[in-house]
Amino acid sequence: LNASADFSAERKPPHWEPPAPELAELRALVTRRDALERMRTQEINRLHVSRALKSGRASNAMSRILSGRSRTSTRKSGRKPTTMQI
């Protein structure tokens, strides 16, 4: 406890003041916007999965993965081909 008092006496930090109400409101709005953006991304991902399942693409890709088959792509950079499982 004395170390804290000694530190304060030595450094003389400014007194803490609570943030202005406008700043608190702005922080809340930014937090809410971030949450809404995350929810939007989740819904877009769900929509993509739903469409893939309806079209059969997802089940075809899963079948290839489970059977060990995969798509092979070559790069124009001259590097060796990479294997992507879809």
PDB file of N, CA and C in Angstrom:
ATOM      1  N   LEU A   1       0.832  -1.198   0.000  1.00  0.00           N
ATOM      2  CA  LEU A   1       0.000   0.000   0.000  1.00  0.00           C
ATOM      3  C   LEU A   1       0.867   1.248   0.000  1.00  0.00           C
ATOM      4  N   ASN A   2       1.952   1.235   0.729  1.00  0.00           N
ATOM      5  CA  ASN A   2       2.851   2.384   0.757  1.00  0.00           C
ATOM      6  C   ASN A   2       3.540   2.609  -0.578  1.00  0.00           C
ATOM      7  N   ALA A   3       3.791   1.525  -1.304  1.00  0.00           N
ATOM      8  CA  ALA A   3       4.451   1.658  -2.604  1.00  0.00           C
ATOM      9  C   ALA A   3       3.580   2.475  -3.549  1.00  0.00           C
ATOM     10  N   SER A   4       2.287   2.270  -3.484  1.00  0.00           N
ATOM     11  CA  SER A   4       1.371   3.023  -4.330  1.00  0.00           C
ATOM     12  C   SER A   4       1.381   4.501  -3.953  1.00  0.00           C
ATOM     13  N   ALA A   5       1.363   4.781  -2.674  1.00  0.00           N
ATOM     14  CA  ALA A   5       1.396   6.172  -2.220  1.00  0.00           C
ATOM     15  C   ALA A   5       2.726   6.823  -2.594  1.00  0.00           C
ATOM     16  N   ASP A   6       3.815   6.075  -2.440  1.00  0.00           N
ATOM     17  CA  ASP A   6       5.128   6.606  -2.811  1.00  0.00           C
ATOM     18  C   ASP A   6       5.183   6.906  -4.310  1.00  0.00           C
ATOM     19  N   PHE A   7       4.657   5.988  -5.114  1.00  0.00           N
ATOM     20  CA  PHE A   7       4.647   6.176  -6.561  1.00  0.00           C
ATOM     21  C   PHE A   7       3.865   7.442  -6.920  1.00  0.00           C
ATOM     22  N   SER A   8       2.679   7.590  -6.322  1.00  0.00           N
ATOM     23  CA  SER A   8       1.848   8.760  -6.610  1.00  0.00           C
ATOM     24  C   SER A   8       2.531  10.051  -6.187  1.00  0.00           C
ATOM     25  N   ALA A   9       3.188  10.015  -5.053  1.00  0.00           N
ATOM     26  CA  ALA A   9       3.869  11.217  -4.573  1.00  0.00           C
ATOM     27  C   ALA A   9       5.038  11.571  -5.484  1.00  0.00           C
ATOM     28  N   GLU A  10       5.712  10.548  -5.978  1.00  0.00           N
ATOM     29  CA  GLU A  10       6.880  10.780  -6.830  1.00  0.00           C
ATOM     30  C   GLU A  10       6.488  11.231  -8.245  1.00  0.00           C
ATOM     31  N   ARG A  11       5.508  10.555  -8.857  1.00  0.00           N
ATOM     32  CA  ARG A  11       5.136  10.814 -10.252  1.00  0.00           C
ATOM     33  C   ARG A  11       4.084  11.908 -10.405  1.00  0.00           C
ATOM     34  N   LYS A  12       3.253  12.093  -9.419  1.00  0.00           N
ATOM     35  CA  LYS A  12       2.156  13.067  -9.445  1.00  0.00           C
ATOM     36  C   LYS A  12       1.291  12.915 -10.709  1.00  0.00           C
ATOM     37  N   PRO A  13       0.658  11.740 -10.861  1.00  0.00           N
ATOM     38  CA  PRO A  13      -0.203  11.549 -12.036  1.00  0.00           C
ATOM     39  C   PRO A  13      -1.425  12.461 -11.947  1.00  0.00           C
ATOM     40  N   PRO A  14      -2.007  12.808 -13.089  1.00  0.00           N
ATOM     41  CA  PRO A  14      -3.204  13.662 -13.065  1.00  0.00           C
ATOM     42  C   PRO A  14      -4.376  12.911 -12.438  1.00  0.00           C
ATOM     43  N   HIS A  15      -5.278  13.659 -11.859  1.00  0.00           N
ATOM     44  CA  HIS A  15      -6.461  13.048 -11.251  1.00  0.00           C
ATOM     45  C   HIS A  15      -7.316  12.441 -12.352  1.00  0.00           C
ATOM     46  N   TRP A  16      -7.889  11.283 -12.052  1.00  0.00           N
ATOM     47  CA  TRP A  16      -8.742  10.606 -13.026  1.00  0.00           C
ATOM     48  C   TRP A  16     -10.090  11.308 -13.096  1.00  0.00           C
ATOM     49  N   GLU A  17     -10.544  11.501 -14.300  1.00  0.00           N
ATOM     50  CA  GLU A  17     -11.877  12.048 -14.505  1.00  0.00           C
ATOM     51  C   GLU A  17     -12.639  11.089 -15.397  1.00  0.00           C
ATOM     52  N   PRO A  18     -13.894  10.851 -15.084  1.00  0.00           N
ATOM     53  CA  PRO A  18     -14.670   9.932 -15.937  1.00  0.00           C
ATOM     54  C   PRO A  18     -14.816  10.520 -17.337  1.00  0.00           C
ATOM     55  N   PRO A  19     -14.936   9.640 -18.344  1.00  0.00           N
ATOM     56  CA  PRO A  19     -15.088  10.152 -19.708  1.00  0.00           C
ATOM     57  C   PRO A  19     -16.402  10.930 -19.845  1.00  0.00           C
ATOM     58  N   ALA A  20     -16.409  11.843 -20.774  1.00  0.00           N
ATOM     59  CA  ALA A  20     -17.617  12.625 -21.035  1.00  0.00           C
ATOM     60  C   ALA A  20     -18.735  11.687 -21.485  1.00  0.00           C
ATOM     61  N   PRO A  21     -19.973  12.021 -21.178  1.00  0.00           N
ATOM     62  CA  PRO A  21     -21.097  11.165 -21.592  1.00  0.00           C
ATOM     63  C   PRO A  21     -21.120  10.919 -23.104  1.00  0.00           C
ATOM     64  N   GLU A  22     -20.710  11.911 -23.886  1.00  0.00           N
ATOM     65  CA  GLU A  22     -20.676  11.744 -25.339  1.00  0.00           C
ATOM     66  C   GLU A  22     -19.682  10.659 -25.753  1.00  0.00           C
ATOM     67  N   LEU A  23     -18.554  10.601 -25.066  1.00  0.00           N
ATOM     68  CA  LEU A  23     -17.550   9.582 -25.368  1.00  0.00           C
ATOM     69  C   LEU A  23     -18.068   8.196 -25.005  1.00  0.00           C
ATOM     70  N   ALA A  24     -18.736   8.095 -23.876  1.00  0.00           N
ATOM     71  CA  ALA A  24     -19.315   6.811 -23.474  1.00  0.00           C
ATOM     72  C   ALA A  24     -20.360   6.362 -24.492  1.00  0.00           C
ATOM     73  N   GLU A  25     -21.164   7.294 -24.974  1.00  0.00           N
ATOM     74  CA  GLU A  25     -22.180   6.960 -25.977  1.00  0.00           C
ATOM     75  C   GLU A  25     -21.520   6.527 -27.287  1.00  0.00           C
ATOM     76  N   LEU A  26     -20.484   7.226 -27.692  1.00  0.00           N
ATOM     77  CA  LEU A  26     -19.766   6.870 -28.908  1.00  0.00           C
ATOM     78  C   LEU A  26     -19.169   5.471 -28.800  1.00  0.00           C
ATOM     79  N   ARG A  27     -18.567   5.164 -27.671  1.00  0.00           N
ATOM     80  CA  ARG A  27     -18.002   3.815 -27.467  1.00  0.00           C
ATOM     81  C   ARG A  27     -19.086   2.760 -27.564  1.00  0.00           C
ATOM     82  N   ALA A  28     -20.247   3.025 -26.970  1.00  0.00           N
ATOM     83  CA  ALA A  28     -21.359   2.074 -27.027  1.00  0.00           C
ATOM     84  C   ALA A  28     -21.831   1.875 -28.459  1.00  0.00           C
ATOM     85  N   LEU A  29     -21.913   2.950 -29.218  1.00  0.00           N
ATOM     86  CA  LEU A  29     -22.340   2.851 -30.614  1.00  0.00           C
ATOM     87  C   LEU A  29     -21.343   2.055 -31.456  1.00  0.00           C
ATOM     88  N   VAL A  30     -20.062   2.289 -31.235  1.00  0.00           N
ATOM     89  CA  VAL A  30     -19.030   1.556 -31.977  1.00  0.00           C
ATOM     90  C   VAL A  30     -19.076   0.071 -31.608  1.00  0.00           C
ATOM     91  N   THR A  31     -19.253  -0.215 -30.337  1.00  0.00           N
ATOM     92  CA  THR A  31     -19.360  -1.612 -29.890  1.00  0.00           C
ATOM     93  C   THR A  31     -20.554  -2.290 -30.543  1.00  0.00           C
ATOM     94  N   ARG A  32     -21.681  -1.593 -30.601  1.00  0.00           N
ATOM     95  CA  ARG A  32     -22.888  -2.155 -31.224  1.00  0.00           C
ATOM     96  C   ARG A  32     -22.682  -2.368 -32.724  1.00  0.00           C
ATOM     97  N   ARG A  33     -22.044  -1.394 -33.399  1.00  0.00           N
ATOM     98  CA  ARG A  33     -21.769  -1.537 -34.830  1.00  0.00           C
ATOM     99  C   ARG A  33     -20.897  -2.760 -35.090  1.00  0.00           C
ATOM    100  N   ASP A  34     -19.860  -2.936 -34.265  1.00  0.00           N
ATOM    101  CA  ASP A  34     -18.974  -4.091 -34.425  1.00  0.00           C
ATOM    102  C   ASP A  34     -19.752  -5.396 -34.258  1.00  0.00           C
ATOM    103  N   ALA A  35     -20.646  -5.439 -33.283  1.00  0.00           N
ATOM    104  CA  ALA A  35     -21.452  -6.642 -33.060  1.00  0.00           C
ATOM    105  C   ALA A  35     -22.360  -6.908 -34.261  1.00  0.00           C
ATOM    106  N   LEU A  36     -22.967  -5.854 -34.802  1.00  0.00           N
ATOM    107  CA  LEU A  36     -23.829  -6.012 -35.976  1.00  0.00           C
ATOM    108  C   LEU A  36     -23.045  -6.495 -37.190  1.00  0.00           C
ATOM    109  N   GLU A  37     -21.821  -6.001 -37.367  1.00  0.00           N
ATOM    110  CA  GLU A  37     -20.982  -6.456 -38.486  1.00  0.00           C
ATOM    111  C   GLU A  37     -20.640  -7.933 -38.335  1.00  0.00           C
ATOM    112  N   ARG A  38     -20.340  -8.371 -37.100  1.00  0.00           N
ATOM    113  CA  ARG A  38     -20.054  -9.796 -36.873  1.00  0.00           C
ATOM    114  C   ARG A  38     -21.288 -10.647 -37.177  1.00  0.00           C
ATOM    115  N   MET A  39     -22.457 -10.183 -36.740  1.00  0.00           N
ATOM    116  CA  MET A  39     -23.689 -10.922 -37.009  1.00  0.00           C
ATOM    117  C   MET A  39     -23.967 -10.999 -38.504  1.00  0.00           C
ATOM    118  N   ARG A  40     -23.730  -9.909 -39.228  1.00  0.00           N
ATOM    119  CA  ARG A  40     -23.939  -9.897 -40.671  1.00  0.00           C
ATOM    120  C   ARG A  40     -23.028 -10.908 -41.348  1.00  0.00           C
ATOM    121  N   THR A  41     -21.774 -10.943 -40.948  1.00  0.00           N
ATOM    122  CA  THR A  41     -20.827 -11.900 -41.511  1.00  0.00           C
ATOM    123  C   THR A  41     -21.279 -13.334 -41.235  1.00  0.00           C
ATOM    124  N   GLN A  42     -21.744 -13.584 -40.015  1.00  0.00           N
ATOM    125  CA  GLN A  42     -22.236 -14.925 -39.680  1.00  0.00           C
ATOM    126  C   GLN A  42     -23.409 -15.317 -40.571  1.00  0.00           C
ATOM    127  N   GLU A  43     -24.329 -14.392 -40.783  1.00  0.00           N
ATOM    128  CA  GLU A  43     -25.498 -14.689 -41.608  1.00  0.00           C
ATOM    129  C   GLU A  43     -25.108 -14.910 -43.065  1.00  0.00           C
ATOM    130  N   ILE A  44     -24.179 -14.131 -43.571  1.00  0.00           N
ATOM    131  CA  ILE A  44     -23.704 -14.328 -44.945  1.00  0.00           C
ATOM    132  C   ILE A  44     -23.063 -15.717 -45.071  1.00  0.00           C
ATOM    133  N   ASN A  45     -22.258 -16.099 -44.080  1.00  0.00           N
ATOM    134  CA  ASN A  45     -21.639 -17.422 -44.107  1.00  0.00           C
ATOM    135  C   ASN A  45     -22.695 -18.524 -44.070  1.00  0.00           C
ATOM    136  N   ARG A  46     -23.717 -18.353 -43.238  1.00  0.00           N
ATOM    137  CA  ARG A  46     -24.795 -19.346 -43.177  1.00  0.00           C
ATOM    138  C   ARG A  46     -25.501 -19.448 -44.525  1.00  0.00           C
ATOM    139  N   LEU A  47     -25.730 -18.317 -45.166  1.00  0.00           N
ATOM    140  CA  LEU A  47     -26.388 -18.314 -46.465  1.00  0.00           C
ATOM    141  C   LEU A  47     -25.548 -19.056 -47.500  1.00  0.00           C
ATOM    142  N   HIS A  48     -24.249 -18.818 -47.504  1.00  0.00           N
ATOM    143  CA  HIS A  48     -23.363 -19.521 -48.445  1.00  0.00           C
ATOM    144  C   HIS A  48     -23.404 -21.032 -48.204  1.00  0.00           C
ATOM    145  N   VAL A  49     -23.377 -21.430 -46.952  1.00  0.00           N
ATOM    146  CA  VAL A  49     -23.417 -22.865 -46.636  1.00  0.00           C
ATOM    147  C   VAL A  49     -24.747 -23.450 -47.071  1.00  0.00           C
ATOM    148  N   SER A  50     -25.821 -22.740 -46.777  1.00  0.00           N
ATOM    149  CA  SER A  50     -27.147 -23.224 -47.158  1.00  0.00           C
ATOM    150  C   SER A  50     -27.253 -23.409 -48.670  1.00  0.00           C
ATOM    151  N   ARG A  51     -26.777 -22.434 -49.422  1.00  0.00           N
ATOM    152  CA  ARG A  51     -26.827 -22.538 -50.882  1.00  0.00           C
ATOM    153  C   ARG A  51     -25.947 -23.678 -51.390  1.00  0.00           C
ATOM    154  N   ALA A  52     -24.794 -23.845 -50.776  1.00  0.00           N
ATOM    155  CA  ALA A  52     -23.891 -24.930 -51.194  1.00  0.00           C
ATOM    156  C   ALA A  52     -24.527 -26.288 -50.914  1.00  0.00           C
ATOM    157  N   LEU A  53     -25.196 -26.411 -49.770  1.00  0.00           N
ATOM    158  CA  LEU A  53     -25.846 -27.682 -49.447  1.00  0.00           C
ATOM    159  C   LEU A  53     -26.989 -27.969 -50.412  1.00  0.00           C
ATOM    160  N   LYS A  54     -27.753 -26.936 -50.766  1.00  0.00           N
ATOM    161  CA  LYS A  54     -28.878 -27.125 -51.691  1.00  0.00           C
ATOM    162  C   LYS A  54     -28.392 -27.515 -53.078  1.00  0.00           C
ATOM    163  N   SER A  55     -27.270 -26.974 -53.504  1.00  0.00           N
ATOM    164  CA  SER A  55     -26.772 -27.261 -54.850  1.00  0.00           C
ATOM    165  C   SER A  55     -26.003 -28.576 -54.921  1.00  0.00           C
ATOM    166  N   GLY A  56     -25.651 -29.131 -53.787  1.00  0.00           N
ATOM    167  CA  GLY A  56     -24.906 -30.381 -53.767  1.00  0.00           C
ATOM    168  C   GLY A  56     -23.403 -30.190 -53.793  1.00  0.00           C
ATOM    169  N   ARG A  57     -22.941 -28.955 -53.955  1.00  0.00           N
ATOM    170  CA  ARG A  57     -21.498 -28.710 -54.014  1.00  0.00           C
ATOM    171  C   ARG A  57     -20.813 -29.125 -52.724  1.00  0.00           C
ATOM    172  N   ALA A  58     -21.443 -28.838 -51.608  1.00  0.00           N
ATOM    173  CA  ALA A  58     -20.810 -29.144 -50.323  1.00  0.00           C
ATOM    174  C   ALA A  58     -20.662 -30.646 -50.135  1.00  0.00           C
ATOM    175  N   SER A  59     -21.702 -31.396 -50.491  1.00  0.00           N
ATOM    176  CA  SER A  59     -21.606 -32.845 -50.299  1.00  0.00           C
ATOM    177  C   SER A  59     -20.592 -33.456 -51.258  1.00  0.00           C
ATOM    178  N   ASN A  60     -20.499 -32.921 -52.496  1.00  0.00           N
ATOM    179  CA  ASN A  60     -19.481 -33.416 -53.433  1.00  0.00           C
ATOM    180  C   ASN A  60     -18.075 -33.134 -52.903  1.00  0.00           C
ATOM    181  N   ALA A  61     -17.878 -31.950 -52.377  1.00  0.00           N
ATOM    182  CA  ALA A  61     -16.568 -31.593 -51.840  1.00  0.00           C
ATOM    183  C   ALA A  61     -16.236 -32.462 -50.636  1.00  0.00           C
ATOM    184  N   MET A  62     -17.215 -32.672 -49.774  1.00  0.00           N
ATOM    185  CA  MET A  62     -16.974 -33.503 -48.591  1.00  0.00           C
ATOM    186  C   MET A  62     -16.654 -34.927 -49.010  1.00  0.00           C
ATOM    187  N   SER A  63     -17.330 -35.440 -50.021  1.00  0.00           N
ATOM    188  CA  SER A  63     -17.046 -36.792 -50.509  1.00  0.00           C
ATOM    189  C   SER A  63     -15.610 -36.898 -50.995  1.00  0.00           C
ATOM    190  N   ARG A  64     -15.140 -35.874 -51.749  1.00  0.00           N
ATOM    191  CA  ARG A  64     -13.762 -35.882 -52.238  1.00  0.00           C
ATOM    192  C   ARG A  64     -12.773 -35.850 -51.081  1.00  0.00           C
ATOM    193  N   ILE A  65     -13.062 -35.038 -50.091  1.00  0.00           N
ATOM    194  CA  ILE A  65     -12.153 -34.934 -48.949  1.00  0.00           C
ATOM    195  C   ILE A  65     -12.070 -36.264 -48.210  1.00  0.00           C
ATOM    196  N   LEU A  66     -13.228 -36.854 -47.957  1.00  0.00           N
ATOM    197  CA  LEU A  66     -13.248 -38.104 -47.206  1.00  0.00           C
ATOM    198  C   LEU A  66     -12.623 -39.259 -47.985  1.00  0.00           C
ATOM    199  N   SER A  67     -12.705 -39.215 -49.300  1.00  0.00           N
ATOM    200  CA  SER A  67     -12.134 -40.304 -50.095  1.00  0.00           C
ATOM    201  C   SER A  67     -10.655 -40.074 -50.410  1.00  0.00           C
ATOM    202  N   GLY A  68     -10.123 -38.906 -50.006  1.00  0.00           N
ATOM    203  CA  GLY A  68      -8.709 -38.634 -50.226  1.00  0.00           C
ATOM    204  C   GLY A  68      -8.415 -37.972 -51.556  1.00  0.00           C
ATOM    205  N   ARG A  69      -9.422 -37.769 -52.380  1.00  0.00           N
ATOM    206  CA  ARG A  69      -9.211 -37.070 -53.645  1.00  0.00           C
ATOM    207  C   ARG A  69      -9.219 -35.581 -53.362  1.00  0.00           C
ATOM    208  N   SER A  70      -8.527 -34.847 -54.175  1.00  0.00           N
ATOM    209  CA  SER A  70      -8.517 -33.393 -54.013  1.00  0.00           C
ATOM    210  C   SER A  70      -8.248 -32.750 -55.357  1.00  0.00           C
ATOM    211  N   ARG A  71      -8.533 -31.477 -55.424  1.00  0.00           N
ATOM    212  CA  ARG A  71      -8.197 -30.697 -56.617  1.00  0.00           C
ATOM    213  C   ARG A  71      -6.757 -30.267 -56.525  1.00  0.00           C
ATOM    214  N   THR A  72      -6.072 -30.289 -57.640  1.00  0.00           N
ATOM    215  CA  THR A  72      -4.689 -29.817 -57.667  1.00  0.00           C
ATOM    216  C   THR A  72      -4.636 -28.587 -58.551  1.00  0.00           C
ATOM    217  N   SER A  73      -3.989 -27.576 -58.053  1.00  0.00           N
ATOM    218  CA  SER A  73      -3.843 -26.360 -58.854  1.00  0.00           C
ATOM    219  C   SER A  73      -2.379 -26.068 -59.047  1.00  0.00           C
ATOM    220  N   THR A  74      -2.062 -25.508 -60.193  1.00  0.00           N
ATOM    221  CA  THR A  74      -0.689 -25.093 -60.456  1.00  0.00           C
ATOM    222  C   THR A  74      -0.646 -23.582 -60.463  1.00  0.00           C
ATOM    223  N   ARG A  75       0.434 -23.066 -60.011  1.00  0.00           N
ATOM    224  CA  ARG A  75       0.613 -21.624 -59.981  1.00  0.00           C
ATOM    225  C   ARG A  75       1.456 -21.194 -61.152  1.00  0.00           C
ATOM    226  N   LYS A  76       1.206 -19.997 -61.636  1.00  0.00           N
ATOM    227  CA  LYS A  76       1.983 -19.462 -62.754  1.00  0.00           C
ATOM    228  C   LYS A  76       3.387 -19.078 -62.329  1.00  0.00           C
ATOM    229  N   SER A  77       3.636 -19.049 -61.030  1.00  0.00           N
ATOM    230  CA  SER A  77       4.943 -18.607 -60.551  1.00  0.00           C
ATOM    231  C   SER A  77       6.037 -19.641 -60.802  1.00  0.00           C
ATOM    232  N   GLY A  78       5.659 -20.835 -61.246  1.00  0.00           N
ATOM    233  CA  GLY A  78       6.654 -21.862 -61.492  1.00  0.00           C
ATOM    234  C   GLY A  78       6.923 -22.734 -60.282  1.00  0.00           C
ATOM    235  N   ARG A  79       6.284 -22.436 -59.176  1.00  0.00           N
ATOM    236  CA  ARG A  79       6.446 -23.287 -57.992  1.00  0.00           C
ATOM    237  C   ARG A  79       5.709 -24.602 -58.201  1.00  0.00           C
ATOM    238  N   LYS A  80       6.029 -25.564 -57.378  1.00  0.00           N
ATOM    239  CA  LYS A  80       5.378 -26.859 -57.527  1.00  0.00           C
ATOM    240  C   LYS A  80       3.891 -26.724 -57.200  1.00  0.00           C
ATOM    241  N   PRO A  81       3.057 -27.604 -57.776  1.00  0.00           N
ATOM    242  CA  PRO A  81       1.621 -27.516 -57.563  1.00  0.00           C
ATOM    243  C   PRO A  81       1.269 -27.651 -56.074  1.00  0.00           C
ATOM    244  N   THR A  82       0.178 -26.990 -55.718  1.00  0.00           N
ATOM    245  CA  THR A  82      -0.322 -27.104 -54.356  1.00  0.00           C
ATOM    246  C   THR A  82      -1.616 -27.883 -54.404  1.00  0.00           C
ATOM    247  N   THR A  83      -1.943 -28.548 -53.324  1.00  0.00           N
ATOM    248  CA  THR A  83      -3.159 -29.322 -53.258  1.00  0.00           C
ATOM    249  C   THR A  83      -4.148 -28.582 -52.368  1.00  0.00           C
ATOM    250  N   MET A  84      -5.329 -28.372 -52.929  1.00  0.00           N
ATOM    251  CA  MET A  84      -6.395 -27.727 -52.164  1.00  0.00           C
ATOM    252  C   MET A  84      -7.528 -28.732 -52.041  1.00  0.00           C
ATOM    253  N   GLN A  85      -8.037 -28.915 -50.857  1.00  0.00           N
ATOM    254  CA  GLN A  85      -9.196 -29.775 -50.693  1.00  0.00           C
ATOM    255  C   GLN A  85     -10.424 -28.894 -50.605  1.00  0.00           C
ATOM    256  N   ILE A  86     -11.382 -29.207 -51.434  1.00  0.00           N
ATOM    257  CA  ILE A  86     -12.608 -28.410 -51.495  1.00  0.00           C
ATOM    258  C   ILE A  86     -13.787 -29.283 -51.215  1.00  0.00           C
TER     259      ILE A  86
END
